[in-house]
Amino acid sequence: MEFLRPASWQEALAAKAEHPAAVPIAGGTDVMVEINFDHRRPAYLMDLNRVTELQEWEIGADTVRLGASVPYTKIMEHLRTELPGLALASHTVASPQIRNRGGVGGNLGTASPAGDAHPALLAGGGQVEAASVRGTRMIPLDDFYLGVKRNALEPDELIRAVHLRKASGPQQFSKVGTRNAMVIAVCAFGIALHPDTRTVRTGIGSAAPTPIRARTAEEFLTAALDEAGLWDSRGPVPPSVAGQFADLVAGAANPIDDVRGTASYRRHALGVMARRTLGWTWQEYRDAN
């Protein structure tokens, strides 16, 4: 295994073009575990820690450009207002040591359906900035996940940043694990209210081959809120609406039985989390009036 250590972004792109199979690392919180347990032995390992721009973020009028290597700790400390759902998800990532090293770019690159950032990213909405020596392209998050641990990157591409919508309303994240910390999610759920467009977005993790949105549930809730005039009145969501939303979220999942939980438990837990997070976000929206 050869070790590549580019000093700049252009050097990194050139190295990736020359060695498309090179595996990039920044925090190394996923890749190094696989290497240490001899589950993976790449021919080339590319350390991106000298590329400092990947550890930076920019807050614009409507979006946040989040460098691929910005650690979860920084998101929690500095972007809680702009990206509340992702900040909440960041709190659940493993231990403080791993939160100090790991970042969203690693979660996206690994594309594990159990990655903690994915539900919040999907609920918030945004695009992945992928680059190569051929140029840069923007990949919508909805199109980024192709299969179990497979993403839409070309072999010569690297993730440079994620462009995320600034929150226009409350967001929440919930995760079920076999214990309270240092645990892979049995299932996870994110929800974001978007009052500016009067829409709702969701994200489901660890309950399908890829992270997914519960689109039918989103469409149902968006229509129900609109028909009842609740965006304007900020009245309570009827229990029947919350219950139907929870059922549709659970129905959107395609889980499996494994050592962490059964498929039926995952569906049940997703329904509970959907109802609870809807209650939390809507109460926050009402209180903001």
Foldseek 3Di string as FASTA:
>chain_A
DAEAEDQEPVSLQVVCVVPLQEAEDFLCPPVVVCVVVVVDDTPYYYYDNNHCLLQDWDDDPWKIWHRLFPALVCCLVPVCQFQVAQNQLLVQAADPSSSNGDGPQVCLQQQALQDSNFFSDQFQWWWWWKAHPVGIDTHTSQQFRDFHRDGDDDSSIGTGTIITTGAPFDKHKDFDFPDRHRGGGCKIKIKGQHLVVLWIWMWIGNFARGIHTLVVLRVLLSVQCVVVVCSPVLDDDDPVNLQVSLLSQLVVGRHDDDPTHHNVVRSVVSSVVSSVRVRVRSVRSSVVD
